[in-house]
Amino acid sequence: MDNKKTDQYYVRKIITDLTFVIAHTEGLTQAQLEANEVLLDSVMIL
């Protein structure tokens, strides 16, 4: 089985990751985000 990643794969990954960031940070202040180390780390990795 070929595991070649296509442009479509990467576009879907970007959309999924951005959806995650929006869902988990919407309405937070910068201070609240910075206080949540796990969320901040996961957002920074994306």
C-alpha atoms as a PDB file:
ATOM      1  CA  MET A   1       0.000   0.000   0.000  1.00  0.00           C
ATOM      2  CA  ASP A   2       1.317   3.402  -0.998  1.00  0.00           C
ATOM      3  CA  ASN A   3       1.306   5.997   1.808  1.00  0.00           C
ATOM      4  CA  LYS A   4       2.117   8.925  -0.476  1.00  0.00           C
ATOM      5  CA  LYS A   5       0.629  12.122   0.886  1.00  0.00           C
ATOM      6  CA  THR A   6      -1.058  14.285  -1.719  1.00  0.00           C
ATOM      7  CA  ASP A   7      -1.782  17.990  -1.765  1.00  0.00           C
ATOM      8  CA  GLN A   8      -5.363  17.123  -0.810  1.00  0.00           C
ATOM      9  CA  TYR A   9      -4.111  15.356   2.311  1.00  0.00           C
ATOM     10  CA  TYR A  10      -2.171  18.445   3.395  1.00  0.00           C
ATOM     11  CA  VAL A  11      -5.079  20.820   2.702  1.00  0.00           C
ATOM     12  CA  ARG A  12      -7.410  18.626   4.800  1.00  0.00           C
ATOM     13  CA  LYS A  13      -4.791  18.504   7.574  1.00  0.00           C
ATOM     14  CA  ILE A  14      -4.481  22.298   7.606  1.00  0.00           C
ATOM     15  CA  ILE A  15      -8.269  22.709   7.770  1.00  0.00           C
ATOM     16  CA  THR A  16      -8.538  20.151  10.583  1.00  0.00           C
ATOM     17  CA  ASP A  17      -5.750  21.806  12.562  1.00  0.00           C
ATOM     18  CA  LEU A  18      -7.179  25.307  12.120  1.00  0.00           C
ATOM     19  CA  THR A  19     -10.615  24.063  13.175  1.00  0.00           C
ATOM     20  CA  PHE A  20      -9.022  22.656  16.337  1.00  0.00           C
ATOM     21  CA  VAL A  21      -7.269  25.932  17.116  1.00  0.00           C
ATOM     22  CA  ILE A  22     -10.429  27.986  16.625  1.00  0.00           C
ATOM     23  CA  ALA A  23     -12.606  25.619  18.658  1.00  0.00           C
ATOM     24  CA  HIS A  24     -10.222  25.562  21.605  1.00  0.00           C
ATOM     25  CA  THR A  25      -9.151  29.205  21.701  1.00  0.00           C
ATOM     26  CA  GLU A  26     -12.288  31.099  20.715  1.00  0.00           C
ATOM     27  CA  GLY A  27     -13.210  33.590  23.395  1.00  0.00           C
ATOM     28  CA  LEU A  28      -9.973  33.216  25.356  1.00  0.00           C
ATOM     29  CA  THR A  29      -7.868  36.190  26.236  1.00  0.00           C
ATOM     30  CA  GLN A  30      -4.151  36.054  25.587  1.00  0.00           C
ATOM     31  CA  ALA A  31      -3.577  35.714  29.336  1.00  0.00           C
ATOM     32  CA  GLN A  32      -5.976  32.760  29.563  1.00  0.00           C
ATOM     33  CA  LEU A  33      -4.257  31.028  26.650  1.00  0.00           C
ATOM     34  CA  GLU A  34      -0.815  31.618  28.130  1.00  0.00           C
ATOM     35  CA  ALA A  35      -2.021  30.246  31.492  1.00  0.00           C
ATOM     36  CA  ASN A  36      -3.097  26.975  29.858  1.00  0.00           C
ATOM     37  CA  GLU A  37       0.263  25.331  29.165  1.00  0.00           C
ATOM     38  CA  VAL A  38      -1.126  22.208  27.490  1.00  0.00           C
ATOM     39  CA  LEU A  39      -3.384  24.150  25.118  1.00  0.00           C
ATOM     40  CA  LEU A  40      -0.660  26.680  24.359  1.00  0.00           C
ATOM     41  CA  ASP A  41       1.796  23.892  23.560  1.00  0.00           C
ATOM     42  CA  SER A  42      -0.667  22.103  21.283  1.00  0.00           C
ATOM     43  CA  VAL A  43      -1.497  25.317  19.438  1.00  0.00           C
ATOM     44  CA  MET A  44       2.173  26.209  19.019  1.00  0.00           C
ATOM     45  CA  ILE A  45       2.913  22.803  17.497  1.00  0.00           C
ATOM     46  CA  LEU A  46       0.151  23.204  14.919  1.00  0.00           C
END
